[in-house]
Amino acid sequence: MPEKSRQIIVGGGGFFRTLSNQVRLIARLVADRRVSPLVKVLPIASVVYMFIPTDALPLLPFDDAALIWLANSLFLEMCPQDVVEEHRRAIEGDTTIVEIPPQKPAPEDDNIIDAEFREEGPLSS
């Protein structure tokens, strides 16, 4: 029976991969010198806000998620778009397809030694 070719897609899609790419994009932009330090305050402040108790700043029931999403969306909009696209392409360039060749079963008669073993006392030097 012919073996199917198998593939591993490194960097495929999905919610968690998209979220991971977004976090990586924001981290790369925060580290980039071409982005204004004042603009970098937005994602840093949103991370700090995650650790502030929710009771300290009551806004709405969905305030935490909405505020973090808004801050990061504004950050991406305020960054130079050519820099954003450069980093986005670099992150998406990590997606590769690795071909795994089918494994052939080993022939049954290779690497088998058919012999008898006898023990005949101590070895003499």
PDB file of N, CA and C in Angstrom:
ATOM      1  N   MET A   1       0.848  -1.164   0.000  1.00  0.00           N
ATOM      2  CA  MET A   1       0.000   0.000   0.000  1.00  0.00           C
ATOM      3  C   MET A   1       0.899   1.234   0.000  1.00  0.00           C
ATOM      4  N   PRO A   2       0.694   2.177  -0.929  1.00  0.00           N
ATOM      5  CA  PRO A   2       1.558   3.355  -0.986  1.00  0.00           C
ATOM      6  C   PRO A   2       1.352   4.254   0.222  1.00  0.00           C
ATOM      7  N   GLU A   3       2.471   4.748   0.729  1.00  0.00           N
ATOM      8  CA  GLU A   3       2.437   5.634   1.883  1.00  0.00           C
ATOM      9  C   GLU A   3       2.027   7.040   1.464  1.00  0.00           C
ATOM     10  N   LYS A   4       1.221   7.697   2.296  1.00  0.00           N
ATOM     11  CA  LYS A   4       0.840   9.079   2.045  1.00  0.00           C
ATOM     12  C   LYS A   4       1.969   9.992   2.512  1.00  0.00           C
ATOM     13  N   SER A   5       2.141  11.093   1.804  1.00  0.00           N
ATOM     14  CA  SER A   5       3.091  12.100   2.246  1.00  0.00           C
ATOM     15  C   SER A   5       2.470  12.859   3.408  1.00  0.00           C
ATOM     16  N   ARG A   6       3.220  13.047   4.465  1.00  0.00           N
ATOM     17  CA  ARG A   6       2.705  13.771   5.620  1.00  0.00           C
ATOM     18  C   ARG A   6       3.336  15.150   5.674  1.00  0.00           C
ATOM     19  N   GLN A   7       2.612  16.106   6.238  1.00  0.00           N
ATOM     20  CA  GLN A   7       3.108  17.468   6.352  1.00  0.00           C
ATOM     21  C   GLN A   7       2.899  17.970   7.769  1.00  0.00           C
ATOM     22  N   ILE A   8       3.826  18.774   8.193  1.00  0.00           N
ATOM     23  CA  ILE A   8       3.658  19.529   9.425  1.00  0.00           C
ATOM     24  C   ILE A   8       3.671  20.984   9.006  1.00  0.00           C
ATOM     25  N   ILE A   9       2.612  21.698   9.336  1.00  0.00           N
ATOM     26  CA  ILE A   9       2.553  23.120   8.996  1.00  0.00           C
ATOM     27  C   ILE A   9       2.945  23.887  10.248  1.00  0.00           C
ATOM     28  N   VAL A  10       4.119  24.490  10.180  1.00  0.00           N
ATOM     29  CA  VAL A  10       4.624  25.272  11.290  1.00  0.00           C
ATOM     30  C   VAL A  10       4.122  26.687  11.094  1.00  0.00           C
ATOM     31  N   GLY A  11       3.412  27.202  12.044  1.00  0.00           N
ATOM     32  CA  GLY A  11       2.911  28.570  11.941  1.00  0.00           C
ATOM     33  C   GLY A  11       1.591  28.652  11.204  1.00  0.00           C
ATOM     34  N   GLY A  12       0.750  27.648  11.336  1.00  0.00           N
ATOM     35  CA  GLY A  12      -0.554  27.684  10.694  1.00  0.00           C
ATOM     36  C   GLY A  12      -1.451  28.723  11.338  1.00  0.00           C
ATOM     37  N   GLY A  13      -2.711  28.750  10.964  1.00  0.00           N
ATOM     38  CA  GLY A  13      -3.643  29.751  11.459  1.00  0.00           C
ATOM     39  C   GLY A  13      -4.272  29.343  12.770  1.00  0.00           C
ATOM     40  N   GLY A  14      -5.389  29.933  13.049  1.00  0.00           N
ATOM     41  CA  GLY A  14      -6.105  29.633  14.276  1.00  0.00           C
ATOM     42  C   GLY A  14      -6.059  30.800  15.239  1.00  0.00           C
ATOM     43  N   PHE A  15      -6.956  30.750  16.195  1.00  0.00           N
ATOM     44  CA  PHE A  15      -7.094  31.839  17.159  1.00  0.00           C
ATOM     45  C   PHE A  15      -5.815  32.062  17.950  1.00  0.00           C
ATOM     46  N   PHE A  16      -5.262  30.995  18.508  1.00  0.00           N
ATOM     47  CA  PHE A  16      -4.087  31.147  19.361  1.00  0.00           C
ATOM     48  C   PHE A  16      -2.864  31.584  18.569  1.00  0.00           C
ATOM     49  N   ARG A  17      -2.749  31.118  17.346  1.00  0.00           N
ATOM     50  CA  ARG A  17      -1.629  31.550  16.506  1.00  0.00           C
ATOM     51  C   ARG A  17      -1.773  33.027  16.151  1.00  0.00           C
ATOM     52  N   THR A  18      -2.998  33.468  15.835  1.00  0.00           N
ATOM     53  CA  THR A  18      -3.237  34.875  15.524  1.00  0.00           C
ATOM     54  C   THR A  18      -2.943  35.743  16.742  1.00  0.00           C
ATOM     55  N   LEU A  19      -3.401  35.302  17.904  1.00  0.00           N
ATOM     56  CA  LEU A  19      -3.135  36.035  19.141  1.00  0.00           C
ATOM     57  C   LEU A  19      -1.633  36.101  19.417  1.00  0.00           C
ATOM     58  N   SER A  20      -0.953  34.991  19.216  1.00  0.00           N
ATOM     59  CA  SER A  20       0.499  34.952  19.412  1.00  0.00           C
ATOM     60  C   SER A  20       1.207  35.905  18.452  1.00  0.00           C
ATOM     61  N   ASN A  21       0.784  35.909  17.185  1.00  0.00           N
ATOM     62  CA  ASN A  21       1.387  36.817  16.210  1.00  0.00           C
ATOM     63  C   ASN A  21       1.144  38.271  16.583  1.00  0.00           C
ATOM     64  N   GLN A  22      -0.050  38.580  17.098  1.00  0.00           N
ATOM     65  CA  GLN A  22      -0.364  39.954  17.490  1.00  0.00           C
ATOM     66  C   GLN A  22       0.517  40.390  18.657  1.00  0.00           C
ATOM     67  N   VAL A  23       0.699  39.512  19.633  1.00  0.00           N
ATOM     68  CA  VAL A  23       1.555  39.828  20.781  1.00  0.00           C
ATOM     69  C   VAL A  23       3.001  40.005  20.320  1.00  0.00           C
ATOM     70  N   ARG A  24       3.459  39.137  19.430  1.00  0.00           N
ATOM     71  CA  ARG A  24       4.822  39.261  18.903  1.00  0.00           C
ATOM     72  C   ARG A  24       4.998  40.560  18.122  1.00  0.00           C
ATOM     73  N   LEU A  25       3.984  40.933  17.339  1.00  0.00           N
ATOM     74  CA  LEU A  25       4.039  42.174  16.572  1.00  0.00           C
ATOM     75  C   LEU A  25       4.152  43.373  17.501  1.00  0.00           C
ATOM     76  N   ILE A  26       3.332  43.406  18.536  1.00  0.00           N
ATOM     77  CA  ILE A  26       3.374  44.526  19.477  1.00  0.00           C
ATOM     78  C   ILE A  26       4.712  44.563  20.199  1.00  0.00           C
ATOM     79  N   ALA A  27       5.226  43.416  20.608  1.00  0.00           N
ATOM     80  CA  ALA A  27       6.532  43.375  21.293  1.00  0.00           C
ATOM     81  C   ALA A  27       7.644  43.868  20.378  1.00  0.00           C
ATOM     82  N   ARG A  28       7.607  43.474  19.110  1.00  0.00           N
ATOM     83  CA  ARG A  28       8.637  43.922  18.166  1.00  0.00           C
ATOM     84  C   ARG A  28       8.550  45.418  17.918  1.00  0.00           C
ATOM     85  N   LEU A  29       7.322  45.936  17.852  1.00  0.00           N
ATOM     86  CA  LEU A  29       7.145  47.369  17.624  1.00  0.00           C
ATOM     87  C   LEU A  29       7.581  48.187  18.837  1.00  0.00           C
ATOM     88  N   VAL A  30       7.331  47.680  20.029  1.00  0.00           N
ATOM     89  CA  VAL A  30       7.781  48.375  21.231  1.00  0.00           C
ATOM     90  C   VAL A  30       9.310  48.425  21.265  1.00  0.00           C
ATOM     91  N   ALA A  31       9.968  47.392  20.781  1.00  0.00           N
ATOM     92  CA  ALA A  31      11.430  47.350  20.773  1.00  0.00           C
ATOM     93  C   ALA A  31      12.043  48.133  19.609  1.00  0.00           C
ATOM     94  N   ASP A  32      11.246  48.499  18.610  1.00  0.00           N
ATOM     95  CA  ASP A  32      11.760  49.182  17.420  1.00  0.00           C
ATOM     96  C   ASP A  32      12.006  50.665  17.719  1.00  0.00           C
ATOM     97  N   ARG A  33      13.168  51.159  17.343  1.00  0.00           N
ATOM     98  CA  ARG A  33      13.533  52.560  17.593  1.00  0.00           C
ATOM     99  C   ARG A  33      12.797  53.539  16.684  1.00  0.00           C
ATOM    100  N   ARG A  34      12.220  53.041  15.602  1.00  0.00           N
ATOM    101  CA  ARG A  34      11.505  53.918  14.675  1.00  0.00           C
ATOM    102  C   ARG A  34      10.116  54.298  15.174  1.00  0.00           C
ATOM    103  N   VAL A  35       9.668  53.671  16.235  1.00  0.00           N
ATOM    104  CA  VAL A  35       8.357  53.972  16.815  1.00  0.00           C
ATOM    105  C   VAL A  35       8.564  54.976  17.949  1.00  0.00           C
ATOM    106  N   SER A  36       7.721  55.986  17.985  1.00  0.00           N
ATOM    107  CA  SER A  36       7.820  57.051  18.985  1.00  0.00           C
ATOM    108  C   SER A  36       7.669  56.504  20.399  1.00  0.00           C
ATOM    109  N   PRO A  37       8.498  56.979  21.327  1.00  0.00           N
ATOM    110  CA  PRO A  37       8.378  56.524  22.722  1.00  0.00           C
ATOM    111  C   PRO A  37       7.020  56.871  23.337  1.00  0.00           C
ATOM    112  N   LEU A  38       6.411  57.968  22.908  1.00  0.00           N
ATOM    113  CA  LEU A  38       5.092  58.320  23.437  1.00  0.00           C
ATOM    114  C   LEU A  38       4.021  57.320  23.012  1.00  0.00           C
ATOM    115  N   VAL A  39       4.152  56.790  21.807  1.00  0.00           N
ATOM    116  CA  VAL A  39       3.194  55.803  21.319  1.00  0.00           C
ATOM    117  C   VAL A  39       3.385  54.480  22.059  1.00  0.00           C
ATOM    118  N   LYS A  40       4.604  54.183  22.455  1.00  0.00           N
ATOM    119  CA  LYS A  40       4.901  52.927  23.158  1.00  0.00           C
ATOM    120  C   LYS A  40       4.259  52.876  24.542  1.00  0.00           C
ATOM    121  N   VAL A  41       3.795  54.009  25.034  1.00  0.00           N
ATOM    122  CA  VAL A  41       3.147  54.039  26.349  1.00  0.00           C
ATOM    123  C   VAL A  41       1.841  53.233  26.331  1.00  0.00           C
ATOM    124  N   LEU A  42       1.142  53.224  25.194  1.00  0.00           N
ATOM    125  CA  LEU A  42      -0.164  52.551  25.123  1.00  0.00           C
ATOM    126  C   LEU A  42      -0.112  51.059  25.463  1.00  0.00           C
ATOM    127  N   PRO A  43       0.697  50.245  24.774  1.00  0.00           N
ATOM    128  CA  PRO A  43       0.697  48.820  25.145  1.00  0.00           C
ATOM    129  C   PRO A  43       1.305  48.564  26.514  1.00  0.00           C
ATOM    130  N   ILE A  44       2.284  49.368  26.899  1.00  0.00           N
ATOM    131  CA  ILE A  44       2.891  49.186  28.222  1.00  0.00           C
ATOM    132  C   ILE A  44       1.863  49.496  29.304  1.00  0.00           C
ATOM    133  N   ALA A  45       1.095  50.575  29.116  1.00  0.00           N
ATOM    134  CA  ALA A  45       0.057  50.928  30.088  1.00  0.00           C
ATOM    135  C   ALA A  45      -1.039  49.866  30.138  1.00  0.00           C
ATOM    136  N   SER A  46      -1.351  49.259  28.995  1.00  0.00           N
ATOM    137  CA  SER A  46      -2.392  48.220  29.014  1.00  0.00           C
ATOM    138  C   SER A  46      -1.925  46.980  29.763  1.00  0.00           C
ATOM    139  N   VAL A  47      -0.638  46.657  29.673  1.00  0.00           N
ATOM    140  CA  VAL A  47      -0.106  45.517  30.434  1.00  0.00           C
ATOM    141  C   VAL A  47      -0.114  45.845  31.928  1.00  0.00           C
ATOM    142  N   VAL A  48       0.267  47.064  32.282  1.00  0.00           N
ATOM    143  CA  VAL A  48       0.241  47.481  33.683  1.00  0.00           C
ATOM    144  C   VAL A  48      -1.194  47.441  34.207  1.00  0.00           C
ATOM    145  N   TYR A  49      -2.148  47.860  33.385  1.00  0.00           N
ATOM    146  CA  TYR A  49      -3.557  47.863  33.789  1.00  0.00           C
ATOM    147  C   TYR A  49      -4.062  46.458  34.116  1.00  0.00           C
ATOM    148  N   MET A  50      -3.529  45.442  33.451  1.00  0.00           N
ATOM    149  CA  MET A  50      -3.953  44.066  33.730  1.00  0.00           C
ATOM    150  C   MET A  50      -3.668  43.681  35.176  1.00  0.00           C
ATOM    151  N   PHE A  51      -2.648  44.276  35.786  1.00  0.00           N
ATOM    152  CA  PHE A  51      -2.254  43.900  37.138  1.00  0.00           C
ATOM    153  C   PHE A  51      -2.867  44.790  38.206  1.00  0.00           C
ATOM    154  N   ILE A  52      -3.613  45.819  37.794  1.00  0.00           N
ATOM    155  CA  ILE A  52      -4.315  46.674  38.751  1.00  0.00           C
ATOM    156  C   ILE A  52      -5.623  45.969  39.105  1.00  0.00           C
ATOM    157  N   PRO A  53      -5.975  45.927  40.371  1.00  0.00           N
ATOM    158  CA  PRO A  53      -7.253  45.305  40.721  1.00  0.00           C
ATOM    159  C   PRO A  53      -8.414  45.985  39.995  1.00  0.00           C
ATOM    160  N   THR A  54      -9.346  45.200  39.499  1.00  0.00           N
ATOM    161  CA  THR A  54     -10.465  45.717  38.722  1.00  0.00           C
ATOM    162  C   THR A  54     -11.320  46.682  39.537  1.00  0.00           C
ATOM    163  N   ASP A  55     -11.402  46.485  40.832  1.00  0.00           N
ATOM    164  CA  ASP A  55     -12.225  47.359  41.665  1.00  0.00           C
ATOM    165  C   ASP A  55     -11.672  48.775  41.750  1.00  0.00           C
ATOM    166  N   ALA A  56     -10.393  48.942  41.468  1.00  0.00           N
ATOM    167  CA  ALA A  56      -9.784  50.269  41.565  1.00  0.00           C
ATOM    168  C   ALA A  56     -10.270  51.207  40.463  1.00  0.00           C
ATOM    169  N   LEU A  57     -10.550  50.675  39.280  1.00  0.00           N
ATOM    170  CA  LEU A  57     -11.000  51.493  38.162  1.00  0.00           C
ATOM    171  C   LEU A  57     -12.258  50.887  37.535  1.00  0.00           C
ATOM    172  N   PRO A  58     -13.399  50.975  38.205  1.00  0.00           N
ATOM    173  CA  PRO A  58     -14.597  50.361  37.625  1.00  0.00           C
ATOM    174  C   PRO A  58     -15.146  51.188  36.468  1.00  0.00           C
ATOM    175  N   LEU A  59     -15.240  50.583  35.295  1.00  0.00           N
ATOM    176  CA  LEU A  59     -15.792  51.265  34.124  1.00  0.00           C
ATOM    177  C   LEU A  59     -17.039  50.532  33.646  1.00  0.00           C
ATOM    178  N   LEU A  60     -16.838  49.375  33.085  1.00  0.00           N
ATOM    179  CA  LEU A  60     -17.928  48.546  32.566  1.00  0.00           C
ATOM    180  C   LEU A  60     -17.614  47.089  32.891  1.00  0.00           C
ATOM    181  N   PRO A  61     -18.575  46.206  32.727  1.00  0.00           N
ATOM    182  CA  PRO A  61     -18.277  44.794  33.001  1.00  0.00           C
ATOM    183  C   PRO A  61     -17.180  44.227  32.105  1.00  0.00           C
ATOM    184  N   PHE A  62     -17.049  44.742  30.915  1.00  0.00           N
ATOM    185  CA  PHE A  62     -16.027  44.224  30.009  1.00  0.00           C
ATOM    186  C   PHE A  62     -14.868  45.205  29.866  1.00  0.00           C
ATOM    187  N   ASP A  63     -14.658  46.025  30.873  1.00  0.00           N
ATOM    188  CA  ASP A  63     -13.672  47.096  30.784  1.00  0.00           C
ATOM    189  C   ASP A  63     -12.246  46.607  30.556  1.00  0.00           C
ATOM    190  N   ASP A  64     -11.850  45.532  31.215  1.00  0.00           N
ATOM    191  CA  ASP A  64     -10.470  45.065  31.083  1.00  0.00           C
ATOM    192  C   ASP A  64     -10.142  44.681  29.643  1.00  0.00           C
ATOM    193  N   ALA A  65     -10.928  43.787  29.093  1.00  0.00           N
ATOM    194  CA  ALA A  65     -10.667  43.317  27.731  1.00  0.00           C
ATOM    195  C   ALA A  65     -10.815  44.449  26.725  1.00  0.00           C
ATOM    196  N   ALA A  66     -11.838  45.278  26.902  1.00  0.00           N
ATOM    197  CA  ALA A  66     -12.071  46.374  25.956  1.00  0.00           C
ATOM    198  C   ALA A  66     -10.948  47.402  26.007  1.00  0.00           C
ATOM    199  N   LEU A  67     -10.497  47.722  27.202  1.00  0.00           N
ATOM    200  CA  LEU A  67      -9.439  48.726  27.327  1.00  0.00           C
ATOM    201  C   LEU A  67      -8.114  48.218  26.764  1.00  0.00           C
ATOM    202  N   ILE A  68      -7.792  46.967  27.020  1.00  0.00           N
ATOM    203  CA  ILE A  68      -6.553  46.394  26.481  1.00  0.00           C
ATOM    204  C   ILE A  68      -6.631  46.315  24.967  1.00  0.00           C
ATOM    205  N   TRP A  69      -7.768  45.878  24.431  1.00  0.00           N
ATOM    206  CA  TRP A  69      -7.941  45.805  22.976  1.00  0.00           C
ATOM    207  C   TRP A  69      -7.842  47.195  22.361  1.00  0.00           C
ATOM    208  N   LEU A  70      -8.497  48.185  22.963  1.00  0.00           N
ATOM    209  CA  LEU A  70      -8.484  49.547  22.434  1.00  0.00           C
ATOM    210  C   LEU A  70      -7.066  50.131  22.447  1.00  0.00           C
ATOM    211  N   ALA A  71      -6.358  49.953  23.548  1.00  0.00           N
ATOM    212  CA  ALA A  71      -4.995  50.487  23.652  1.00  0.00           C
ATOM    213  C   ALA A  71      -4.074  49.864  22.601  1.00  0.00           C
ATOM    214  N   ASN A  72      -4.170  48.553  22.406  1.00  0.00           N
ATOM    215  CA  ASN A  72      -3.307  47.889  21.436  1.00  0.00           C
ATOM    216  C   ASN A  72      -3.708  48.219  20.003  1.00  0.00           C
ATOM    217  N   SER A  73      -4.997  48.382  19.745  1.00  0.00           N
ATOM    218  CA  SER A  73      -5.446  48.787  18.401  1.00  0.00           C
ATOM    219  C   SER A  73      -4.974  50.204  18.077  1.00  0.00           C
ATOM    220  N   LEU A  74      -5.107  51.106  19.043  1.00  0.00           N
ATOM    221  CA  LEU A  74      -4.615  52.474  18.830  1.00  0.00           C
ATOM    222  C   LEU A  74      -3.099  52.488  18.619  1.00  0.00           C
ATOM    223  N   PHE A  75      -2.403  51.670  19.384  1.00  0.00           N
ATOM    224  CA  PHE A  75      -0.949  51.583  19.225  1.00  0.00           C
ATOM    225  C   PHE A  75      -0.575  51.176  17.811  1.00  0.00           C
ATOM    226  N   LEU A  76      -1.243  50.147  17.288  1.00  0.00           N
ATOM    227  CA  LEU A  76      -0.938  49.690  15.929  1.00  0.00           C
ATOM    228  C   LEU A  76      -1.298  50.738  14.883  1.00  0.00           C
ATOM    229  N   GLU A  77      -2.358  51.503  15.125  1.00  0.00           N
ATOM    230  CA  GLU A  77      -2.747  52.561  14.185  1.00  0.00           C
ATOM    231  C   GLU A  77      -1.795  53.757  14.234  1.00  0.00           C
ATOM    232  N   MET A  78      -1.218  54.031  15.400  1.00  0.00           N
ATOM    233  CA  MET A  78      -0.352  55.198  15.558  1.00  0.00           C
ATOM    234  C   MET A  78       1.098  54.921  15.159  1.00  0.00           C
ATOM    235  N   CYS A  79       1.458  53.658  15.043  1.00  0.00           N
ATOM    236  CA  CYS A  79       2.814  53.307  14.589  1.00  0.00           C
ATOM    237  C   CYS A  79       2.920  53.579  13.093  1.00  0.00           C
ATOM    238  N   PRO A  80       4.132  53.875  12.612  1.00  0.00           N
ATOM    239  CA  PRO A  80       4.311  54.020  11.160  1.00  0.00           C
ATOM    240  C   PRO A  80       3.917  52.724  10.449  1.00  0.00           C
ATOM    241  N   GLN A  81       3.023  52.841   9.467  1.00  0.00           N
ATOM    242  CA  GLN A  81       2.460  51.647   8.831  1.00  0.00           C
ATOM    243  C   GLN A  81       3.499  50.826   8.075  1.00  0.00           C
ATOM    244  N   ASP A  82       4.514  51.462   7.525  1.00  0.00           N
ATOM    245  CA  ASP A  82       5.553  50.697   6.835  1.00  0.00           C
ATOM    246  C   ASP A  82       6.344  49.832   7.825  1.00  0.00           C
ATOM    247  N   VAL A  83       6.544  50.342   9.038  1.00  0.00           N
ATOM    248  CA  VAL A  83       7.247  49.574  10.070  1.00  0.00           C
ATOM    249  C   VAL A  83       6.367  48.407  10.542  1.00  0.00           C
ATOM    250  N   VAL A  84       5.068  48.672  10.703  1.00  0.00           N
ATOM    251  CA  VAL A  84       4.138  47.624  11.118  1.00  0.00           C
ATOM    252  C   VAL A  84       4.124  46.497  10.082  1.00  0.00           C
ATOM    253  N   GLU A  85       4.021  46.874   8.802  1.00  0.00           N
ATOM    254  CA  GLU A  85       3.979  45.858   7.739  1.00  0.00           C
ATOM    255  C   GLU A  85       5.285  45.082   7.646  1.00  0.00           C
ATOM    256  N   GLU A  86       6.402  45.753   7.873  1.00  0.00           N
ATOM    257  CA  GLU A  86       7.704  45.078   7.843  1.00  0.00           C
ATOM    258  C   GLU A  86       7.758  43.990   8.913  1.00  0.00           C
ATOM    259  N   HIS A  87       7.338  44.342  10.125  1.00  0.00           N
ATOM    260  CA  HIS A  87       7.355  43.359  11.212  1.00  0.00           C
ATOM    261  C   HIS A  87       6.300  42.274  10.997  1.00  0.00           C
ATOM    262  N   ARG A  88       5.140  42.652  10.469  1.00  0.00           N
ATOM    263  CA  ARG A  88       4.079  41.664  10.216  1.00  0.00           C
ATOM    264  C   ARG A  88       4.543  40.625   9.189  1.00  0.00           C
ATOM    265  N   ARG A  89       5.214  41.100   8.119  1.00  0.00           N
ATOM    266  CA  ARG A  89       5.731  40.165   7.105  1.00  0.00           C
ATOM    267  C   ARG A  89       6.797  39.255   7.696  1.00  0.00           C
ATOM    268  N   ALA A  90       7.647  39.814   8.549  1.00  0.00           N
ATOM    269  CA  ALA A  90       8.695  38.996   9.171  1.00  0.00           C
ATOM    270  C   ALA A  90       8.083  37.915  10.060  1.00  0.00           C
ATOM    271  N   ILE A  91       7.038  38.256  10.787  1.00  0.00           N
ATOM    272  CA  ILE A  91       6.386  37.274  11.662  1.00  0.00           C
ATOM    273  C   ILE A  91       5.666  36.219  10.832  1.00  0.00           C
ATOM    274  N   GLU A  92       4.938  36.636   9.814  1.00  0.00           N
ATOM    275  CA  GLU A  92       4.214  35.684   8.976  1.00  0.00           C
ATOM    276  C   GLU A  92       5.157  34.861   8.110  1.00  0.00           C
ATOM    277  N   GLY A  93       6.378  35.345   7.894  1.00  0.00           N
ATOM    278  CA  GLY A  93       7.372  34.591   7.143  1.00  0.00           C
ATOM    279  C   GLY A  93       7.860  33.368   7.884  1.00  0.00           C
ATOM    280  N   ASP A  94       7.541  33.279   9.194  1.00  0.00           N
ATOM    281  CA  ASP A  94       7.930  32.116   9.980  1.00  0.00           C
ATOM    282  C   ASP A  94       7.093  30.894   9.641  1.00  0.00           C
ATOM    283  N   THR A  95       6.011  31.069   8.878  1.00  0.00           N
ATOM    284  CA  THR A  95       5.144  29.957   8.517  1.00  0.00           C
ATOM    285  C   THR A  95       5.817  29.129   7.433  1.00  0.00           C
ATOM    286  N   THR A  96       6.066  27.880   7.729  1.00  0.00           N
ATOM    287  CA  THR A  96       6.704  27.001   6.756  1.00  0.00           C
ATOM    288  C   THR A  96       5.996  25.652   6.745  1.00  0.00           C
ATOM    289  N   ILE A  97       6.160  24.943   5.659  1.00  0.00           N
ATOM    290  CA  ILE A  97       5.617  23.591   5.553  1.00  0.00           C
ATOM    291  C   ILE A  97       6.792  22.631   5.487  1.00  0.00           C
ATOM    292  N   VAL A  98       6.816  21.696   6.403  1.00  0.00           N
ATOM    293  CA  VAL A  98       7.892  20.721   6.463  1.00  0.00           C
ATOM    294  C   VAL A  98       7.340  19.398   5.949  1.00  0.00           C
ATOM    295  N   GLU A  99       7.941  18.883   4.886  1.00  0.00           N
ATOM    296  CA  GLU A  99       7.525  17.590   4.337  1.00  0.00           C
ATOM    297  C   GLU A  99       8.207  16.481   5.124  1.00  0.00           C
ATOM    298  N   ILE A 100       7.433  15.518   5.548  1.00  0.00           N
ATOM    299  CA  ILE A 100       7.976  14.346   6.229  1.00  0.00           C
ATOM    300  C   ILE A 100       7.872  13.180   5.266  1.00  0.00           C
ATOM    301  N   PRO A 101       9.009  12.665   4.802  1.00  0.00           N
ATOM    302  CA  PRO A 101       8.941  11.555   3.855  1.00  0.00           C
ATOM    303  C   PRO A 101       8.374  10.316   4.523  1.00  0.00           C
ATOM    304  N   PRO A 102       7.649   9.518   3.746  1.00  0.00           N
ATOM    305  CA  PRO A 102       7.101   8.285   4.334  1.00  0.00           C
ATOM    306  C   PRO A 102       8.234   7.342   4.713  1.00  0.00           C
ATOM    307  N   GLN A 103       8.056   6.652   5.812  1.00  0.00           N
ATOM    308  CA  GLN A 103       9.074   5.717   6.263  1.00  0.00           C
ATOM    309  C   GLN A 103       8.802   4.352   5.653  1.00  0.00           C
ATOM    310  N   LYS A 104       9.855   3.772   5.124  1.00  0.00           N
ATOM    311  CA  LYS A 104       9.733   2.435   4.543  1.00  0.00           C
ATOM    312  C   LYS A 104       9.978   1.418   5.648  1.00  0.00           C
ATOM    313  N   PRO A 105       9.146   0.409   5.713  1.00  0.00           N
ATOM    314  CA  PRO A 105       9.399  -0.616   6.733  1.00  0.00           C
ATOM    315  C   PRO A 105      10.686  -1.367   6.399  1.00  0.00           C
ATOM    316  N   ALA A 106      11.417  -1.712   7.430  1.00  0.00           N
ATOM    317  CA  ALA A 106      12.677  -2.440   7.233  1.00  0.00           C
ATOM    318  C   ALA A 106      12.378  -3.844   6.732  1.00  0.00           C
ATOM    319  N   PRO A 107      13.140  -4.311   5.758  1.00  0.00           N
ATOM    320  CA  PRO A 107      12.941  -5.692   5.295  1.00  0.00           C
ATOM    321  C   PRO A 107      13.174  -6.655   6.455  1.00  0.00           C
ATOM    322  N   GLU A 108      12.427  -7.710   6.465  1.00  0.00           N
ATOM    323  CA  GLU A 108      12.485  -8.630   7.596  1.00  0.00           C
ATOM    324  C   GLU A 108      13.792  -9.411   7.661  1.00  0.00           C
ATOM    325  N   ASP A 109      14.448  -9.654   6.540  1.00  0.00           N
ATOM    326  CA  ASP A 109      15.640 -10.483   6.570  1.00  0.00           C
ATOM    327  C   ASP A 109      16.931  -9.665   6.719  1.00  0.00           C
ATOM    328  N   ASP A 110      16.867  -8.345   6.727  1.00  0.00           N
ATOM    329  CA  ASP A 110      18.067  -7.527   6.929  1.00  0.00           C
ATOM    330  C   ASP A 110      18.353  -7.401   8.425  1.00  0.00           C
ATOM    331  N   ASN A 111      19.614  -7.340   8.752  1.00  0.00           N
ATOM    332  CA  ASN A 111      20.083  -7.096  10.116  1.00  0.00           C
ATOM    333  C   ASN A 111      19.667  -8.180  11.106  1.00  0.00           C
ATOM    334  N   ILE A 112      19.379  -9.382  10.638  1.00  0.00           N
ATOM    335  CA  ILE A 112      19.041 -10.479  11.540  1.00  0.00           C
ATOM    336  C   ILE A 112      20.109 -11.550  11.392  1.00  0.00           C
ATOM    337  N   ILE A 113      20.663 -11.918  12.516  1.00  0.00           N
ATOM    338  CA  ILE A 113      21.675 -12.982  12.514  1.00  0.00           C
ATOM    339  C   ILE A 113      21.058 -14.180  13.193  1.00  0.00           C
ATOM    340  N   ASP A 114      20.986 -15.259  12.442  1.00  0.00           N
ATOM    341  CA  ASP A 114      20.427 -16.491  12.984  1.00  0.00           C
ATOM    342  C   ASP A 114      21.595 -17.392  13.370  1.00  0.00           C
ATOM    343  N   ALA A 115      21.784 -17.572  14.662  1.00  0.00           N
ATOM    344  CA  ALA A 115      22.914 -18.374  15.118  1.00  0.00           C
ATOM    345  C   ALA A 115      22.576 -19.003  16.459  1.00  0.00           C
ATOM    346  N   GLU A 116      23.415 -19.989  16.832  1.00  0.00           N
ATOM    347  CA  GLU A 116      23.256 -20.621  18.128  1.00  0.00           C
ATOM    348  C   GLU A 116      24.338 -20.110  19.048  1.00  0.00           C
ATOM    349  N   PHE A 117      24.034 -20.068  20.321  1.00  0.00           N
ATOM    350  CA  PHE A 117      24.988 -19.602  21.309  1.00  0.00           C
ATOM    351  C   PHE A 117      25.228 -20.724  22.298  1.00  0.00           C
ATOM    352  N   ARG A 118      26.519 -21.027  22.507  1.00  0.00           N
ATOM    353  CA  ARG A 118      26.876 -22.048  23.486  1.00  0.00           C
ATOM    354  C   ARG A 118      27.940 -21.480  24.399  1.00  0.00           C
ATOM    355  N   GLU A 119      27.805 -21.775  25.672  1.00  0.00           N
ATOM    356  CA  GLU A 119      28.805 -21.334  26.612  1.00  0.00           C
ATOM    357  C   GLU A 119      29.641 -22.541  27.004  1.00  0.00           C
ATOM    358  N   GLU A 120      30.970 -22.428  26.866  1.00  0.00           N
ATOM    359  CA  GLU A 120      31.831 -23.575  27.091  1.00  0.00           C
ATOM    360  C   GLU A 120      32.856 -23.342  28.178  1.00  0.00           C
ATOM    361  N   GLY A 121      32.533 -22.731  29.234  1.00  0.00           N
ATOM    362  CA  GLY A 121      33.473 -22.570  30.338  1.00  0.00           C
ATOM    363  C   GLY A 121      34.277 -21.286  30.237  1.00  0.00           C
ATOM    364  N   PRO A 122      35.189 -21.133  31.199  1.00  0.00           N
ATOM    365  CA  PRO A 122      35.975 -19.898  31.277  1.00  0.00           C
ATOM    366  C   PRO A 122      36.954 -19.785  30.108  1.00  0.00           C
ATOM    367  N   LEU A 123      37.230 -18.549  29.764  1.00  0.00           N
ATOM    368  CA  LEU A 123      38.197 -18.290  28.691  1.00  0.00           C
ATOM    369  C   LEU A 123      39.605 -18.411  29.229  1.00  0.00           C
ATOM    370  N   SER A 124      40.466 -18.979  28.446  1.00  0.00           N
ATOM    371  CA  SER A 124      41.872 -19.087  28.877  1.00  0.00           C
ATOM    372  C   SER A 124      42.675 -18.007  28.192  1.00  0.00           C
ATOM    373  N   SER A 125      43.681 -17.446  28.934  1.00  0.00           N
ATOM    374  CA  SER A 125      44.482 -16.409  28.341  1.00  0.00           C
ATOM    375  C   SER A 125      45.719 -16.939  27.699  1.00  0.00           C
TER     376      SER A 125
END
